[in-house]
Amino acid sequence: MKKILMALFLTSVLCAPIASMAKDVDMAKITCKEFAESGKDSISMMMIWIDGYMSGKSDNTVMNEEWMDTLGTHMGRFCAQNPKKTIMAAIEAMPEN
């Protein structure tokens, strides 16, 4: 019973940010400015989406903290310098490792 309650609790906590985005979001249309101003929860969720998108393109199934830091640094720098460009442009400008 404790495992079931814990699973329900974790599901409700982890899905709360997703539920707050009740509408569909076209990630290809989000500008860097919108990304940067979207708030911590939305940025976190979009960073996970970006990692998944890039992983799908590269067939890399590994996610680690160092990569997420590198990706976050790149997105922050690119978007600060190019607020009108889309996050897809930022993804495409990510240097190869």
PDB file of N, CA and C in Angstrom:
ATOM      1  N   MET A   1       0.816  -1.196   0.000  1.00  0.00           N
ATOM      2  CA  MET A   1       0.000   0.000   0.000  1.00  0.00           C
ATOM      3  C   MET A   1       0.864   1.267   0.000  1.00  0.00           C
ATOM      4  N   LYS A   2       1.971   1.223   0.763  1.00  0.00           N
ATOM      5  CA  LYS A   2       2.851   2.381   0.825  1.00  0.00           C
ATOM      6  C   LYS A   2       3.459   2.672  -0.543  1.00  0.00           C
ATOM      7  N   LYS A   3       3.797   1.614  -1.293  1.00  0.00           N
ATOM      8  CA  LYS A   3       4.380   1.805  -2.620  1.00  0.00           C
ATOM      9  C   LYS A   3       3.379   2.449  -3.574  1.00  0.00           C
ATOM     10  N   ILE A   4       2.125   2.056  -3.456  1.00  0.00           N
ATOM     11  CA  ILE A   4       1.082   2.622  -4.310  1.00  0.00           C
ATOM     12  C   ILE A   4       0.881   4.097  -3.989  1.00  0.00           C
ATOM     13  N   LEU A   5       0.822   4.424  -2.709  1.00  0.00           N
ATOM     14  CA  LEU A   5       0.658   5.819  -2.300  1.00  0.00           C
ATOM     15  C   LEU A   5       1.854   6.665  -2.742  1.00  0.00           C
ATOM     16  N   MET A   6       3.054   6.117  -2.617  1.00  0.00           N
ATOM     17  CA  MET A   6       4.244   6.851  -3.045  1.00  0.00           C
ATOM     18  C   MET A   6       4.209   7.074  -4.556  1.00  0.00           C
ATOM     19  N   ALA A   7       3.818   6.069  -5.311  1.00  0.00           N
ATOM     20  CA  ALA A   7       3.733   6.204  -6.765  1.00  0.00           C
ATOM     21  C   ALA A   7       2.711   7.267  -7.149  1.00  0.00           C
ATOM     22  N   LEU A   8       1.563   7.278  -6.480  1.00  0.00           N
ATOM     23  CA  LEU A   8       0.542   8.292  -6.758  1.00  0.00           C
ATOM     24  C   LEU A   8       1.044   9.691  -6.421  1.00  0.00           C
ATOM     25  N   PHE A   9       1.737   9.800  -5.297  1.00  0.00           N
ATOM     26  CA  PHE A   9       2.285  11.090  -4.890  1.00  0.00           C
ATOM     27  C   PHE A   9       3.302  11.596  -5.911  1.00  0.00           C
ATOM     28  N   LEU A  10       4.246  10.725  -6.292  1.00  0.00           N
ATOM     29  CA  LEU A  10       5.266  11.128  -7.259  1.00  0.00           C
ATOM     30  C   LEU A  10       4.654  11.495  -8.603  1.00  0.00           C
ATOM     31  N   THR A  11       3.649  10.754  -9.024  1.00  0.00           N
ATOM     32  CA  THR A  11       2.979  11.056 -10.284  1.00  0.00           C
ATOM     33  C   THR A  11       2.336  12.434 -10.227  1.00  0.00           C
ATOM     34  N   SER A  12       1.669  12.737  -9.125  1.00  0.00           N
ATOM     35  CA  SER A  12       0.997  14.038  -9.021  1.00  0.00           C
ATOM     36  C   SER A  12       2.000  15.178  -8.969  1.00  0.00           C
ATOM     37  N   VAL A  13       3.124  14.998  -8.302  1.00  0.00           N
ATOM     38  CA  VAL A  13       4.142  16.043  -8.203  1.00  0.00           C
ATOM     39  C   VAL A  13       4.842  16.245  -9.548  1.00  0.00           C
ATOM     40  N   LEU A  14       5.203  15.159 -10.198  1.00  0.00           N
ATOM     41  CA  LEU A  14       5.939  15.259 -11.457  1.00  0.00           C
ATOM     42  C   LEU A  14       5.066  15.720 -12.609  1.00  0.00           C
ATOM     43  N   CYS A  15       3.782  15.458 -12.565  1.00  0.00           N
ATOM     44  CA  CYS A  15       2.900  15.833 -13.664  1.00  0.00           C
ATOM     45  C   CYS A  15       2.287  17.219 -13.490  1.00  0.00           C
ATOM     46  N   ALA A  16       2.453  17.845 -12.352  1.00  0.00           N
ATOM     47  CA  ALA A  16       1.865  19.165 -12.115  1.00  0.00           C
ATOM     48  C   ALA A  16       2.304  20.208 -13.141  1.00  0.00           C
ATOM     49  N   PRO A  17       3.620  20.310 -13.459  1.00  0.00           N
ATOM     50  CA  PRO A  17       4.007  21.307 -14.470  1.00  0.00           C
ATOM     51  C   PRO A  17       3.401  21.008 -15.840  1.00  0.00           C
ATOM     52  N   ILE A  18       3.272  19.740 -16.172  1.00  0.00           N
ATOM     53  CA  ILE A  18       2.689  19.364 -17.454  1.00  0.00           C
ATOM     54  C   ILE A  18       1.217  19.762 -17.502  1.00  0.00           C
ATOM     55  N   ALA A  19       0.510  19.540 -16.420  1.00  0.00           N
ATOM     56  CA  ALA A  19      -0.905  19.889 -16.372  1.00  0.00           C
ATOM     57  C   ALA A  19      -1.114  21.388 -16.497  1.00  0.00           C
ATOM     58  N   SER A  20      -0.134  22.167 -16.017  1.00  0.00           N
ATOM     59  CA  SER A  20      -0.281  23.621 -16.105  1.00  0.00           C
ATOM     60  C   SER A  20      -0.163  24.120 -17.548  1.00  0.00           C
ATOM     61  N   MET A  21       0.389  23.296 -18.427  1.00  0.00           N
ATOM     62  CA  MET A  21       0.476  23.648 -19.842  1.00  0.00           C
ATOM     63  C   MET A  21      -0.669  22.949 -20.570  1.00  0.00           C
ATOM     64  N   ALA A  22      -1.886  23.341 -20.285  1.00  0.00           N
ATOM     65  CA  ALA A  22      -3.068  22.652 -20.774  1.00  0.00           C
ATOM     66  C   ALA A  22      -3.225  22.701 -22.287  1.00  0.00           C
ATOM     67  N   LYS A  23      -2.571  23.624 -22.933  1.00  0.00           N
ATOM     68  CA  LYS A  23      -2.711  23.737 -24.387  1.00  0.00           C
ATOM     69  C   LYS A  23      -1.528  23.080 -25.085  1.00  0.00           C
ATOM     70  N   ASP A  24      -1.724  22.760 -26.358  1.00  0.00           N
ATOM     71  CA  ASP A  24      -0.636  22.216 -27.169  1.00  0.00           C
ATOM     72  C   ASP A  24       0.390  23.310 -27.424  1.00  0.00           C
ATOM     73  N   VAL A  25       1.648  22.932 -27.467  1.00  0.00           N
ATOM     74  CA  VAL A  25       2.728  23.881 -27.709  1.00  0.00           C
ATOM     75  C   VAL A  25       3.546  23.394 -28.897  1.00  0.00           C
ATOM     76  N   ASP A  26       3.671  24.220 -29.918  1.00  0.00           N
ATOM     77  CA  ASP A  26       4.511  23.898 -31.067  1.00  0.00           C
ATOM     78  C   ASP A  26       5.918  24.378 -30.749  1.00  0.00           C
ATOM     79  N   MET A  27       6.784  23.448 -30.394  1.00  0.00           N
ATOM     80  CA  MET A  27       8.135  23.789 -29.970  1.00  0.00           C
ATOM     81  C   MET A  27       8.925  24.510 -31.060  1.00  0.00           C
ATOM     82  N   ALA A  28       8.576  24.278 -32.319  1.00  0.00           N
ATOM     83  CA  ALA A  28       9.285  24.922 -33.429  1.00  0.00           C
ATOM     84  C   ALA A  28       9.000  26.420 -33.517  1.00  0.00           C
ATOM     85  N   LYS A  29       7.973  26.881 -32.834  1.00  0.00           N
ATOM     86  CA  LYS A  29       7.603  28.295 -32.915  1.00  0.00           C
ATOM     87  C   LYS A  29       8.008  29.112 -31.685  1.00  0.00           C
ATOM     88  N   ILE A  30       8.546  28.470 -30.688  1.00  0.00           N
ATOM     89  CA  ILE A  30       8.929  29.181 -29.463  1.00  0.00           C
ATOM     90  C   ILE A  30      10.220  29.961 -29.713  1.00  0.00           C
ATOM     91  N   THR A  31      10.172  31.259 -29.439  1.00  0.00           N
ATOM     92  CA  THR A  31      11.375  32.076 -29.611  1.00  0.00           C
ATOM     93  C   THR A  31      12.258  31.953 -28.372  1.00  0.00           C
ATOM     94  N   CYS A  32      13.491  32.334 -28.555  1.00  0.00           N
ATOM     95  CA  CYS A  32      14.419  32.332 -27.425  1.00  0.00           C
ATOM     96  C   CYS A  32      13.928  33.244 -26.303  1.00  0.00           C
ATOM     97  N   LYS A  33      13.346  34.378 -26.678  1.00  0.00           N
ATOM     98  CA  LYS A  33      12.812  35.295 -25.665  1.00  0.00           C
ATOM     99  C   LYS A  33      11.693  34.629 -24.874  1.00  0.00           C
ATOM    100  N   GLU A  34      10.777  33.960 -25.566  1.00  0.00           N
ATOM    101  CA  GLU A  34       9.686  33.261 -24.890  1.00  0.00           C
ATOM    102  C   GLU A  34      10.230  32.144 -23.995  1.00  0.00           C
ATOM    103  N   PHE A  35      11.220  31.431 -24.492  1.00  0.00           N
ATOM    104  CA  PHE A  35      11.864  30.366 -23.731  1.00  0.00           C
ATOM    105  C   PHE A  35      12.451  30.930 -22.436  1.00  0.00           C
ATOM    106  N   ALA A  36      13.244  31.997 -22.560  1.00  0.00           N
ATOM    107  CA  ALA A  36      13.921  32.577 -21.404  1.00  0.00           C
ATOM    108  C   ALA A  36      12.959  33.166 -20.380  1.00  0.00           C
ATOM    109  N   GLU A  37      11.806  33.644 -20.838  1.00  0.00           N
ATOM    110  CA  GLU A  37      10.846  34.286 -19.942  1.00  0.00           C
ATOM    111  C   GLU A  37       9.737  33.352 -19.462  1.00  0.00           C
ATOM    112  N   SER A  38       9.833  32.073 -19.794  1.00  0.00           N
ATOM    113  CA  SER A  38       8.724  31.152 -19.510  1.00  0.00           C
ATOM    114  C   SER A  38       8.666  30.647 -18.072  1.00  0.00           C
ATOM    115  N   GLY A  39       9.685  30.885 -17.296  1.00  0.00           N
ATOM    116  CA  GLY A  39       9.681  30.443 -15.906  1.00  0.00           C
ATOM    117  C   GLY A  39      10.430  29.133 -15.726  1.00  0.00           C
ATOM    118  N   LYS A  40      10.884  28.911 -14.515  1.00  0.00           N
ATOM    119  CA  LYS A  40      11.748  27.772 -14.200  1.00  0.00           C
ATOM    120  C   LYS A  40      11.123  26.424 -14.571  1.00  0.00           C
ATOM    121  N   ASP A  41       9.870  26.200 -14.209  1.00  0.00           N
ATOM    122  CA  ASP A  41       9.223  24.917 -14.496  1.00  0.00           C
ATOM    123  C   ASP A  41       9.113  24.665 -15.996  1.00  0.00           C
ATOM    124  N   SER A  42       8.714  25.683 -16.742  1.00  0.00           N
ATOM    125  CA  SER A  42       8.577  25.527 -18.190  1.00  0.00           C
ATOM    126  C   SER A  42       9.932  25.332 -18.855  1.00  0.00           C
ATOM    127  N   ILE A  43      10.934  26.076 -18.405  1.00  0.00           N
ATOM    128  CA  ILE A  43      12.277  25.917 -18.964  1.00  0.00           C
ATOM    129  C   ILE A  43      12.777  24.504 -18.705  1.00  0.00           C
ATOM    130  N   SER A  44      12.589  24.013 -17.501  1.00  0.00           N
ATOM    131  CA  SER A  44      13.020  22.649 -17.170  1.00  0.00           C
ATOM    132  C   SER A  44      12.342  21.627 -18.065  1.00  0.00           C
ATOM    133  N   MET A  45      11.051  21.781 -18.245  1.00  0.00           N
ATOM    134  CA  MET A  45      10.308  20.855 -19.078  1.00  0.00           C
ATOM    135  C   MET A  45      10.776  20.938 -20.529  1.00  0.00           C
ATOM    136  N   MET A  46      11.002  22.157 -21.025  1.00  0.00           N
ATOM    137  CA  MET A  46      11.465  22.309 -22.403  1.00  0.00           C
ATOM    138  C   MET A  46      12.881  21.772 -22.578  1.00  0.00           C
ATOM    139  N   MET A  47      13.731  21.917 -21.571  1.00  0.00           N
ATOM    140  CA  MET A  47      15.090  21.374 -21.659  1.00  0.00           C
ATOM    141  C   MET A  47      15.049  19.851 -21.773  1.00  0.00           C
ATOM    142  N   ILE A  48      14.150  19.226 -21.058  1.00  0.00           N
ATOM    143  CA  ILE A  48      14.016  17.771 -21.172  1.00  0.00           C
ATOM    144  C   ILE A  48      13.520  17.410 -22.567  1.00  0.00           C
ATOM    145  N   TRP A  49      12.580  18.195 -23.105  1.00  0.00           N
ATOM    146  CA  TRP A  49      12.094  17.947 -24.466  1.00  0.00           C
ATOM    147  C   TRP A  49      13.248  18.117 -25.459  1.00  0.00           C
ATOM    148  N   ILE A  50      14.028  19.192 -25.304  1.00  0.00           N
ATOM    149  CA  ILE A  50      15.150  19.459 -26.205  1.00  0.00           C
ATOM    150  C   ILE A  50      16.152  18.308 -26.156  1.00  0.00           C
ATOM    151  N   ASP A  51      16.470  17.838 -24.958  1.00  0.00           N
ATOM    152  CA  ASP A  51      17.392  16.707 -24.835  1.00  0.00           C
ATOM    153  C   ASP A  51      16.831  15.480 -25.564  1.00  0.00           C
ATOM    154  N   GLY A  52      15.554  15.213 -25.390  1.00  0.00           N
ATOM    155  CA  GLY A  52      14.938  14.077 -26.071  1.00  0.00           C
ATOM    156  C   GLY A  52      14.942  14.238 -27.575  1.00  0.00           C
ATOM    157  N   TYR A  53      14.658  15.433 -28.035  1.00  0.00           N
ATOM    158  CA  TYR A  53      14.672  15.719 -29.476  1.00  0.00           C
ATOM    159  C   TYR A  53      16.061  15.470 -30.050  1.00  0.00           C
ATOM    160  N   MET A  54      17.070  16.035 -29.374  1.00  0.00           N
ATOM    161  CA  MET A  54      18.441  15.870 -29.855  1.00  0.00           C
ATOM    162  C   MET A  54      18.894  14.414 -29.755  1.00  0.00           C
ATOM    163  N   SER A  55      18.480  13.731 -28.716  1.00  0.00           N
ATOM    164  CA  SER A  55      18.832  12.321 -28.560  1.00  0.00           C
ATOM    165  C   SER A  55      18.217  11.473 -29.663  1.00  0.00           C
ATOM    166  N   GLY A  56      17.003  11.816 -30.053  1.00  0.00           N
ATOM    167  CA  GLY A  56      16.354  11.100 -31.139  1.00  0.00           C
ATOM    168  C   GLY A  56      17.096  11.294 -32.450  1.00  0.00           C
ATOM    169  N   LYS A  57      17.597  12.489 -32.684  1.00  0.00           N
ATOM    170  CA  LYS A  57      18.337  12.767 -33.915  1.00  0.00           C
ATOM    171  C   LYS A  57      19.694  12.061 -33.933  1.00  0.00           C
ATOM    172  N   SER A  58      20.321  11.942 -32.761  1.00  0.00           N
ATOM    173  CA  SER A  58      21.665  11.371 -32.699  1.00  0.00           C
ATOM    174  C   SER A  58      21.662   9.899 -32.300  1.00  0.00           C
ATOM    175  N   ASP A  59      20.500   9.371 -31.973  1.00  0.00           N
ATOM    176  CA  ASP A  59      20.365   7.986 -31.510  1.00  0.00           C
ATOM    177  C   ASP A  59      21.166   7.736 -30.231  1.00  0.00           C
ATOM    178  N   ASN A  60      21.272   8.766 -29.408  1.00  0.00           N
ATOM    179  CA  ASN A  60      21.985   8.665 -28.131  1.00  0.00           C
ATOM    180  C   ASN A  60      20.945   8.551 -27.022  1.00  0.00           C
ATOM    181  N   THR A  61      20.984   7.472 -26.292  1.00  0.00           N
ATOM    182  CA  THR A  61      19.989   7.259 -25.239  1.00  0.00           C
ATOM    183  C   THR A  61      20.509   7.601 -23.844  1.00  0.00           C
ATOM    184  N   VAL A  62      21.690   8.189 -23.772  1.00  0.00           N
ATOM    185  CA  VAL A  62      22.296   8.516 -22.484  1.00  0.00           C
ATOM    186  C   VAL A  62      22.000   9.966 -22.122  1.00  0.00           C
ATOM    187  N   MET A  63      21.584  10.167 -20.882  1.00  0.00           N
ATOM    188  CA  MET A  63      21.365  11.522 -20.360  1.00  0.00           C
ATOM    189  C   MET A  63      22.179  11.629 -19.079  1.00  0.00           C
ATOM    190  N   ASN A  64      23.006  12.677 -18.999  1.00  0.00           N
ATOM    191  CA  ASN A  64      23.777  12.857 -17.772  1.00  0.00           C
ATOM    192  C   ASN A  64      23.840  14.330 -17.414  1.00  0.00           C
ATOM    193  N   GLU A  65      24.256  14.587 -16.205  1.00  0.00           N
ATOM    194  CA  GLU A  65      24.266  15.950 -15.678  1.00  0.00           C
ATOM    195  C   GLU A  65      25.216  16.871 -16.451  1.00  0.00           C
ATOM    196  N   GLU A  66      26.378  16.363 -16.826  1.00  0.00           N
ATOM    197  CA  GLU A  66      27.344  17.180 -17.564  1.00  0.00           C
ATOM    198  C   GLU A  66      26.760  17.636 -18.909  1.00  0.00           C
ATOM    199  N   TRP A  67      26.096  16.711 -19.608  1.00  0.00           N
ATOM    200  CA  TRP A  67      25.478  17.056 -20.894  1.00  0.00           C
ATOM    201  C   TRP A  67      24.383  18.102 -20.699  1.00  0.00           C
ATOM    202  N   MET A  68      23.554  17.926 -19.671  1.00  0.00           N
ATOM    203  CA  MET A  68      22.466  18.875 -19.442  1.00  0.00           C
ATOM    204  C   MET A  68      23.027  20.255 -19.091  1.00  0.00           C
ATOM    205  N   ASP A  69      24.138  20.286 -18.359  1.00  0.00           N
ATOM    206  CA  ASP A  69      24.788  21.575 -18.061  1.00  0.00           C
ATOM    207  C   ASP A  69      25.304  22.232 -19.338  1.00  0.00           C
ATOM    208  N   THR A  70      25.932  21.433 -20.195  1.00  0.00           N
ATOM    209  CA  THR A  70      26.449  21.945 -21.472  1.00  0.00           C
ATOM    210  C   THR A  70      25.312  22.466 -22.336  1.00  0.00           C
ATOM    211  N   LEU A  71      24.240  21.696 -22.420  1.00  0.00           N
ATOM    212  CA  LEU A  71      23.077  22.088 -23.210  1.00  0.00           C
ATOM    213  C   LEU A  71      22.440  23.359 -22.647  1.00  0.00           C
ATOM    214  N   GLY A  72      22.290  23.418 -21.336  1.00  0.00           N
ATOM    215  CA  GLY A  72      21.709  24.602 -20.699  1.00  0.00           C
ATOM    216  C   GLY A  72      22.550  25.855 -20.913  1.00  0.00           C
ATOM    217  N   THR A  73      23.860  25.696 -20.823  1.00  0.00           N
ATOM    218  CA  THR A  73      24.766  26.826 -21.062  1.00  0.00           C
ATOM    219  C   THR A  73      24.633  27.314 -22.498  1.00  0.00           C
ATOM    220  N   HIS A  74      24.615  26.372 -23.438  1.00  0.00           N
ATOM    221  CA  HIS A  74      24.472  26.755 -24.847  1.00  0.00           C
ATOM    222  C   HIS A  74      23.149  27.470 -25.094  1.00  0.00           C
ATOM    223  N   MET A  75      22.059  26.897 -24.592  1.00  0.00           N
ATOM    224  CA  MET A  75      20.742  27.497 -24.814  1.00  0.00           C
ATOM    225  C   MET A  75      20.696  28.898 -24.208  1.00  0.00           C
ATOM    226  N   GLY A  76      21.246  29.058 -23.010  1.00  0.00           N
ATOM    227  CA  GLY A  76      21.256  30.368 -22.356  1.00  0.00           C
ATOM    228  C   GLY A  76      22.035  31.405 -23.144  1.00  0.00           C
ATOM    229  N   ARG A  77      23.233  31.025 -23.593  1.00  0.00           N
ATOM    230  CA  ARG A  77      24.067  31.963 -24.368  1.00  0.00           C
ATOM    231  C   ARG A  77      23.436  32.303 -25.709  1.00  0.00           C
ATOM    232  N   PHE A  78      23.016  31.261 -26.433  1.00  0.00           N
ATOM    233  CA  PHE A  78      22.445  31.488 -27.757  1.00  0.00           C
ATOM    234  C   PHE A  78      21.210  32.371 -27.654  1.00  0.00           C
ATOM    235  N   CYS A  79      20.341  32.048 -26.714  1.00  0.00           N
ATOM    236  CA  CYS A  79      19.088  32.793 -26.595  1.00  0.00           C
ATOM    237  C   CYS A  79      19.306  34.231 -26.106  1.00  0.00           C
ATOM    238  N   ALA A  80      20.309  34.439 -25.268  1.00  0.00           N
ATOM    239  CA  ALA A  80      20.615  35.802 -24.823  1.00  0.00           C
ATOM    240  C   ALA A  80      21.088  36.653 -25.999  1.00  0.00           C
ATOM    241  N   GLN A  81      21.812  36.050 -26.916  1.00  0.00           N
ATOM    242  CA  GLN A  81      22.337  36.782 -28.070  1.00  0.00           C
ATOM    243  C   GLN A  81      21.347  36.848 -29.236  1.00  0.00           C
ATOM    244  N   ASN A  82      20.348  35.967 -29.240  1.00  0.00           N
ATOM    245  CA  ASN A  82      19.414  35.861 -30.368  1.00  0.00           C
ATOM    246  C   ASN A  82      17.968  35.715 -29.897  1.00  0.00           C
ATOM    247  N   PRO A  83      17.439  36.698 -29.169  1.00  0.00           N
ATOM    248  CA  PRO A  83      16.104  36.541 -28.573  1.00  0.00           C
ATOM    249  C   PRO A  83      14.968  36.325 -29.580  1.00  0.00           C
ATOM    250  N   LYS A  84      15.140  36.774 -30.812  1.00  0.00           N
ATOM    251  CA  LYS A  84      14.069  36.631 -31.805  1.00  0.00           C
ATOM    252  C   LYS A  84      14.122  35.302 -32.562  1.00  0.00           C
ATOM    253  N   LYS A  85      15.241  34.589 -32.443  1.00  0.00           N
ATOM    254  CA  LYS A  85      15.351  33.293 -33.120  1.00  0.00           C
ATOM    255  C   LYS A  85      14.592  32.240 -32.308  1.00  0.00           C
ATOM    256  N   THR A  86      14.270  31.146 -32.955  1.00  0.00           N
ATOM    257  CA  THR A  86      13.541  30.080 -32.271  1.00  0.00           C
ATOM    258  C   THR A  86      14.497  29.170 -31.498  1.00  0.00           C
ATOM    259  N   ILE A  87      13.930  28.420 -30.573  1.00  0.00           N
ATOM    260  CA  ILE A  87      14.772  27.471 -29.852  1.00  0.00           C
ATOM    261  C   ILE A  87      15.244  26.358 -30.787  1.00  0.00           C
ATOM    262  N   MET A  88      14.513  26.122 -31.877  1.00  0.00           N
ATOM    263  CA  MET A  88      14.970  25.145 -32.863  1.00  0.00           C
ATOM    264  C   MET A  88      16.260  25.635 -33.519  1.00  0.00           C
ATOM    265  N   ALA A  89      16.380  26.930 -33.749  1.00  0.00           N
ATOM    266  CA  ALA A  89      17.627  27.495 -34.282  1.00  0.00           C
ATOM    267  C   ALA A  89      18.753  27.306 -33.267  1.00  0.00           C
ATOM    268  N   ALA A  90      18.437  27.474 -31.999  1.00  0.00           N
ATOM    269  CA  ALA A  90      19.429  27.264 -30.947  1.00  0.00           C
ATOM    270  C   ALA A  90      19.882  25.810 -30.922  1.00  0.00           C
ATOM    271  N   ILE A  91      18.938  24.903 -31.089  1.00  0.00           N
ATOM    272  CA  ILE A  91      19.270  23.470 -31.112  1.00  0.00           C
ATOM    273  C   ILE A  91      20.189  23.174 -32.290  1.00  0.00           C
ATOM    274  N   GLU A  92      19.856  23.712 -33.445  1.00  0.00           N
ATOM    275  CA  GLU A  92      20.659  23.464 -34.650  1.00  0.00           C
ATOM    276  C   GLU A  92      22.044  24.078 -34.544  1.00  0.00           C
ATOM    277  N   ALA A  93      22.209  25.129 -33.735  1.00  0.00           N
ATOM    278  CA  ALA A  93      23.498  25.787 -33.569  1.00  0.00           C
ATOM    279  C   ALA A  93      24.354  25.128 -32.474  1.00  0.00           C
ATOM    280  N   MET A  94      23.828  24.095 -31.848  1.00  0.00           N
ATOM    281  CA  MET A  94      24.579  23.392 -30.774  1.00  0.00           C
ATOM    282  C   MET A  94      25.819  22.752 -31.375  1.00  0.00           C
ATOM    283  N   PRO A  95      27.002  23.107 -30.841  1.00  0.00           N
ATOM    284  CA  PRO A  95      28.236  22.496 -31.362  1.00  0.00           C
ATOM    285  C   PRO A  95      28.240  20.988 -31.120  1.00  0.00           C
ATOM    286  N   GLU A  96      28.850  20.264 -32.048  1.00  0.00           N
ATOM    287  CA  GLU A  96      28.989  18.810 -31.886  1.00  0.00           C
ATOM    288  C   GLU A  96      30.008  18.539 -30.791  1.00  0.00           C
ATOM    289  N   ASN A  97      29.773  17.491 -30.044  1.00  0.00           N
ATOM    290  CA  ASN A  97      30.740  17.128 -28.989  1.00  0.00           C
ATOM    291  C   ASN A  97      31.892  16.344 -29.537  1.00  0.00           C
TER     292      ASN A  97
END
